[in-house]
Amino acid sequence: MIFQATQEIYDAMLEADLKCQIQEHEESSAIHAGIRGDNTDFNILFISRDNDADVSMRIFNIAKFPAEKMPAVCAAVNECNGKYRYLRFTADEDNTVTAAYDFAVNTENIGKSAVELCMRAMNIVDECYPILMKAIYS
């Protein structure tokens, strides 16, 4: 099932000339968009689980790292979280870095908000990627 917010985001992204696709699942629907920055490429998911404007944005696998680099990566993630308020970076148990944002349930124009956040996320991840790489490879 394609939830209302998913359709609104999809329509807004197409209107903004962003390439994306809808993914349907039993209990959720999502928009999947590939993003190309100056420093890295990544995929953004906008996930809806009901017909309200309840949307989560996730960017999985921004960076992979060996387990012994977890302390350095956590420090880099904290640095990124301190610099930017729109995304929350985490170093996950599977030794990857993820970024997340949860929209307010009462977001009036979820499509327009998602397009704006997509652009902000592109810049933020692109600026944080070198910080993460430095932590992994130094």
C-alpha atoms as a PDB file:
ATOM      1  CA  MET A   1       0.000   0.000   0.000  1.00  0.00           C
ATOM      2  CA  ILE A   2       1.247   3.474  -0.841  1.00  0.00           C
ATOM      3  CA  PHE A   3       0.531   5.816   2.048  1.00  0.00           C
ATOM      4  CA  GLN A   4      -0.602   9.407   1.495  1.00  0.00           C
ATOM      5  CA  ALA A   5       2.658  11.026   2.660  1.00  0.00           C
ATOM      6  CA  THR A   6       4.669   8.748   0.373  1.00  0.00           C
ATOM      7  CA  GLN A   7       2.619   9.856  -2.627  1.00  0.00           C
ATOM      8  CA  GLU A   8       2.952  13.538  -1.665  1.00  0.00           C
ATOM      9  CA  ILE A   9       6.727  13.232  -1.307  1.00  0.00           C
ATOM     10  CA  TYR A  10       6.996  11.344  -4.584  1.00  0.00           C
ATOM     11  CA  ASP A  11       4.980  14.002  -6.434  1.00  0.00           C
ATOM     12  CA  ALA A  12       7.035  16.845  -4.913  1.00  0.00           C
ATOM     13  CA  MET A  13      10.326  15.145  -5.753  1.00  0.00           C
ATOM     14  CA  LEU A  14       9.268  14.596  -9.373  1.00  0.00           C
ATOM     15  CA  GLU A  15       8.183  18.238  -9.564  1.00  0.00           C
ATOM     16  CA  ALA A  16      11.664  19.224  -8.313  1.00  0.00           C
ATOM     17  CA  ASP A  17      13.235  16.997 -11.026  1.00  0.00           C
ATOM     18  CA  LEU A  18      14.654  14.551  -8.473  1.00  0.00           C
ATOM     19  CA  LYS A  19      14.861  10.943  -9.578  1.00  0.00           C
ATOM     20  CA  CYS A  20      13.199   8.582  -7.125  1.00  0.00           C
ATOM     21  CA  GLN A  21      11.048   5.508  -6.899  1.00  0.00           C
ATOM     22  CA  ILE A  22       8.326   4.195  -4.607  1.00  0.00           C
ATOM     23  CA  GLN A  23       8.821   0.974  -2.687  1.00  0.00           C
ATOM     24  CA  GLU A  24       5.733  -0.760  -1.289  1.00  0.00           C
ATOM     25  CA  HIS A  25       5.776  -3.102   1.683  1.00  0.00           C
ATOM     26  CA  GLU A  26       2.992  -4.668   3.749  1.00  0.00           C
ATOM     27  CA  GLU A  27       3.219  -2.201   6.630  1.00  0.00           C
ATOM     28  CA  SER A  28       5.064   0.722   5.034  1.00  0.00           C
ATOM     29  CA  SER A  29       5.781   2.552   1.822  1.00  0.00           C
ATOM     30  CA  ALA A  30       8.951   4.450   1.016  1.00  0.00           C
ATOM     31  CA  ILE A  31      10.575   6.792  -1.439  1.00  0.00           C
ATOM     32  CA  HIS A  32      14.072   5.766  -2.484  1.00  0.00           C
ATOM     33  CA  ALA A  33      16.335   8.426  -4.013  1.00  0.00           C
ATOM     34  CA  GLY A  34      19.978   8.170  -5.003  1.00  0.00           C
ATOM     35  CA  ILE A  35      22.054  11.248  -4.183  1.00  0.00           C
ATOM     36  CA  ARG A  36      25.424  12.188  -5.657  1.00  0.00           C
ATOM     37  CA  GLY A  37      27.548  14.655  -3.707  1.00  0.00           C
ATOM     38  CA  ASP A  38      31.061  15.957  -4.176  1.00  0.00           C
ATOM     39  CA  ASN A  39      32.552  13.521  -1.642  1.00  0.00           C
ATOM     40  CA  THR A  40      30.207  10.523  -1.671  1.00  0.00           C
ATOM     41  CA  ASP A  41      27.069   8.958  -3.126  1.00  0.00           C
ATOM     42  CA  PHE A  42      24.276   7.623  -0.938  1.00  0.00           C
ATOM     43  CA  ASN A  43      20.622   6.601  -0.880  1.00  0.00           C
ATOM     44  CA  ILE A  44      17.887   8.423   1.017  1.00  0.00           C
ATOM     45  CA  LEU A  45      14.733   6.660   2.161  1.00  0.00           C
ATOM     46  CA  PHE A  46      11.566   8.505   3.201  1.00  0.00           C
ATOM     47  CA  ILE A  47       9.511   5.893   5.064  1.00  0.00           C
ATOM     48  CA  SER A  48       5.764   6.160   5.860  1.00  0.00           C
ATOM     49  CA  ARG A  49       3.936   3.732   8.116  1.00  0.00           C
ATOM     50  CA  ASP A  50       0.428   5.248   8.123  1.00  0.00           C
ATOM     51  CA  ASN A  51      -1.737   7.773   6.271  1.00  0.00           C
ATOM     52  CA  ASP A  52      -0.715  10.651   8.528  1.00  0.00           C
ATOM     53  CA  ALA A  53       2.361  12.772   7.831  1.00  0.00           C
ATOM     54  CA  ASP A  54       4.361  10.308   9.936  1.00  0.00           C
ATOM     55  CA  VAL A  55       7.568  10.089   7.909  1.00  0.00           C
ATOM     56  CA  SER A  56      11.089   9.010   8.804  1.00  0.00           C
ATOM     57  CA  MET A  57      14.081   9.846   6.659  1.00  0.00           C
ATOM     58  CA  ARG A  58      17.001   7.402   6.802  1.00  0.00           C
ATOM     59  CA  ILE A  59      20.381   7.267   5.107  1.00  0.00           C
ATOM     60  CA  PHE A  60      21.918   3.869   5.744  1.00  0.00           C
ATOM     61  CA  ASN A  61      25.523   2.772   5.181  1.00  0.00           C
ATOM     62  CA  ILE A  62      27.080   6.207   4.834  1.00  0.00           C
ATOM     63  CA  ALA A  63      30.353   4.599   5.862  1.00  0.00           C
ATOM     64  CA  LYS A  64      31.485   1.127   6.918  1.00  0.00           C
ATOM     65  CA  PHE A  65      34.302   0.706   9.412  1.00  0.00           C
ATOM     66  CA  PRO A  66      36.171  -2.034  11.278  1.00  0.00           C
ATOM     67  CA  ALA A  67      35.048  -2.702  14.858  1.00  0.00           C
ATOM     68  CA  GLU A  68      38.313  -1.426  16.332  1.00  0.00           C
ATOM     69  CA  LYS A  69      37.562   2.027  14.854  1.00  0.00           C
ATOM     70  CA  MET A  70      34.279   2.375  16.788  1.00  0.00           C
ATOM     71  CA  PRO A  71      35.683   4.890  19.355  1.00  0.00           C
ATOM     72  CA  ALA A  72      37.137   7.125  16.637  1.00  0.00           C
ATOM     73  CA  VAL A  73      33.977   6.890  14.532  1.00  0.00           C
ATOM     74  CA  CYS A  74      31.805   7.709  17.572  1.00  0.00           C
ATOM     75  CA  ALA A  75      33.905  10.837  18.133  1.00  0.00           C
ATOM     76  CA  ALA A  76      33.459  11.797  14.456  1.00  0.00           C
ATOM     77  CA  VAL A  77      29.712  11.135  14.646  1.00  0.00           C
ATOM     78  CA  ASN A  78      29.499  13.349  17.747  1.00  0.00           C
ATOM     79  CA  GLU A  79      31.376  16.082  15.886  1.00  0.00           C
ATOM     80  CA  CYS A  80      28.902  15.894  13.011  1.00  0.00           C
ATOM     81  CA  ASN A  81      25.934  15.899  15.401  1.00  0.00           C
ATOM     82  CA  GLY A  82      27.345  18.991  17.077  1.00  0.00           C
ATOM     83  CA  LYS A  83      27.704  20.838  13.766  1.00  0.00           C
ATOM     84  CA  TYR A  84      24.308  20.042  12.227  1.00  0.00           C
ATOM     85  CA  ARG A  85      20.861  19.997  13.760  1.00  0.00           C
ATOM     86  CA  TYR A  86      18.823  18.510  10.922  1.00  0.00           C
ATOM     87  CA  LEU A  87      20.341  15.044  10.888  1.00  0.00           C
ATOM     88  CA  ARG A  88      21.206  12.664  13.694  1.00  0.00           C
ATOM     89  CA  PHE A  89      24.238  10.537  12.894  1.00  0.00           C
ATOM     90  CA  THR A  90      24.782   7.190  14.624  1.00  0.00           C
ATOM     91  CA  ALA A  91      27.501   4.550  14.576  1.00  0.00           C
ATOM     92  CA  ASP A  92      25.524   1.323  14.460  1.00  0.00           C
ATOM     93  CA  GLU A  93      26.180  -2.166  15.841  1.00  0.00           C
ATOM     94  CA  ASP A  94      26.899  -3.472  12.347  1.00  0.00           C
ATOM     95  CA  ASN A  95      29.825  -1.011  12.033  1.00  0.00           C
ATOM     96  CA  THR A  96      28.111   1.405   9.688  1.00  0.00           C
ATOM     97  CA  VAL A  97      27.191   5.062  10.013  1.00  0.00           C
ATOM     98  CA  THR A  98      23.533   6.033   9.557  1.00  0.00           C
ATOM     99  CA  ALA A  99      21.816   9.415   9.447  1.00  0.00           C
ATOM    100  CA  ALA A 100      18.200   9.937  10.476  1.00  0.00           C
ATOM    101  CA  TYR A 101      15.507  12.573  10.679  1.00  0.00           C
ATOM    102  CA  ASP A 102      11.906  12.184  11.860  1.00  0.00           C
ATOM    103  CA  PHE A 103       9.356  14.657  10.554  1.00  0.00           C
ATOM    104  CA  ALA A 104       6.848  16.236  12.923  1.00  0.00           C
ATOM    105  CA  VAL A 105       3.544  14.364  12.669  1.00  0.00           C
ATOM    106  CA  ASN A 106       1.691  17.572  11.823  1.00  0.00           C
ATOM    107  CA  THR A 107       3.970  18.683   8.979  1.00  0.00           C
ATOM    108  CA  GLU A 108       1.645  20.641   6.682  1.00  0.00           C
ATOM    109  CA  ASN A 109       3.380  20.228   3.334  1.00  0.00           C
ATOM    110  CA  ILE A 110       5.266  16.962   3.721  1.00  0.00           C
ATOM    111  CA  GLY A 111       6.300  16.846   0.061  1.00  0.00           C
ATOM    112  CA  LYS A 112       7.904  20.289   0.039  1.00  0.00           C
ATOM    113  CA  SER A 113       9.519  19.610   3.428  1.00  0.00           C
ATOM    114  CA  ALA A 114      10.970  16.314   2.186  1.00  0.00           C
ATOM    115  CA  VAL A 115      12.487  17.959  -0.896  1.00  0.00           C
ATOM    116  CA  GLU A 116      14.069  20.660   1.274  1.00  0.00           C
ATOM    117  CA  LEU A 117      15.416  18.079   3.717  1.00  0.00           C
ATOM    118  CA  CYS A 118      16.771  16.018   0.822  1.00  0.00           C
ATOM    119  CA  MET A 119      18.832  19.024  -0.292  1.00  0.00           C
ATOM    120  CA  ARG A 120      20.000  19.776   3.247  1.00  0.00           C
ATOM    121  CA  ALA A 121      20.900  16.111   3.826  1.00  0.00           C
ATOM    122  CA  MET A 122      22.906  16.058   0.600  1.00  0.00           C
ATOM    123  CA  ASN A 123      25.038  18.967   1.814  1.00  0.00           C
ATOM    124  CA  ILE A 124      25.369  17.749   5.396  1.00  0.00           C
ATOM    125  CA  VAL A 125      26.367  14.178   4.512  1.00  0.00           C
ATOM    126  CA  ASP A 126      28.780  15.468   1.882  1.00  0.00           C
ATOM    127  CA  GLU A 127      30.443  17.742   4.465  1.00  0.00           C
ATOM    128  CA  CYS A 128      30.552  15.062   7.184  1.00  0.00           C
ATOM    129  CA  TYR A 129      31.875  12.279   4.964  1.00  0.00           C
ATOM    130  CA  PRO A 130      35.525  13.484   5.079  1.00  0.00           C
ATOM    131  CA  ILE A 131      35.289  13.733   8.888  1.00  0.00           C
ATOM    132  CA  LEU A 132      34.096  10.132   9.049  1.00  0.00           C
ATOM    133  CA  MET A 133      36.743   8.920   6.597  1.00  0.00           C
ATOM    134  CA  LYS A 134      39.475  10.612   8.591  1.00  0.00           C
ATOM    135  CA  ALA A 135      38.304   8.766  11.717  1.00  0.00           C
ATOM    136  CA  ILE A 136      38.248   5.445   9.878  1.00  0.00           C
ATOM    137  CA  TYR A 137      41.586   5.709   8.072  1.00  0.00           C
ATOM    138  CA  SER A 138      43.775   7.567  10.583  1.00  0.00           C
END
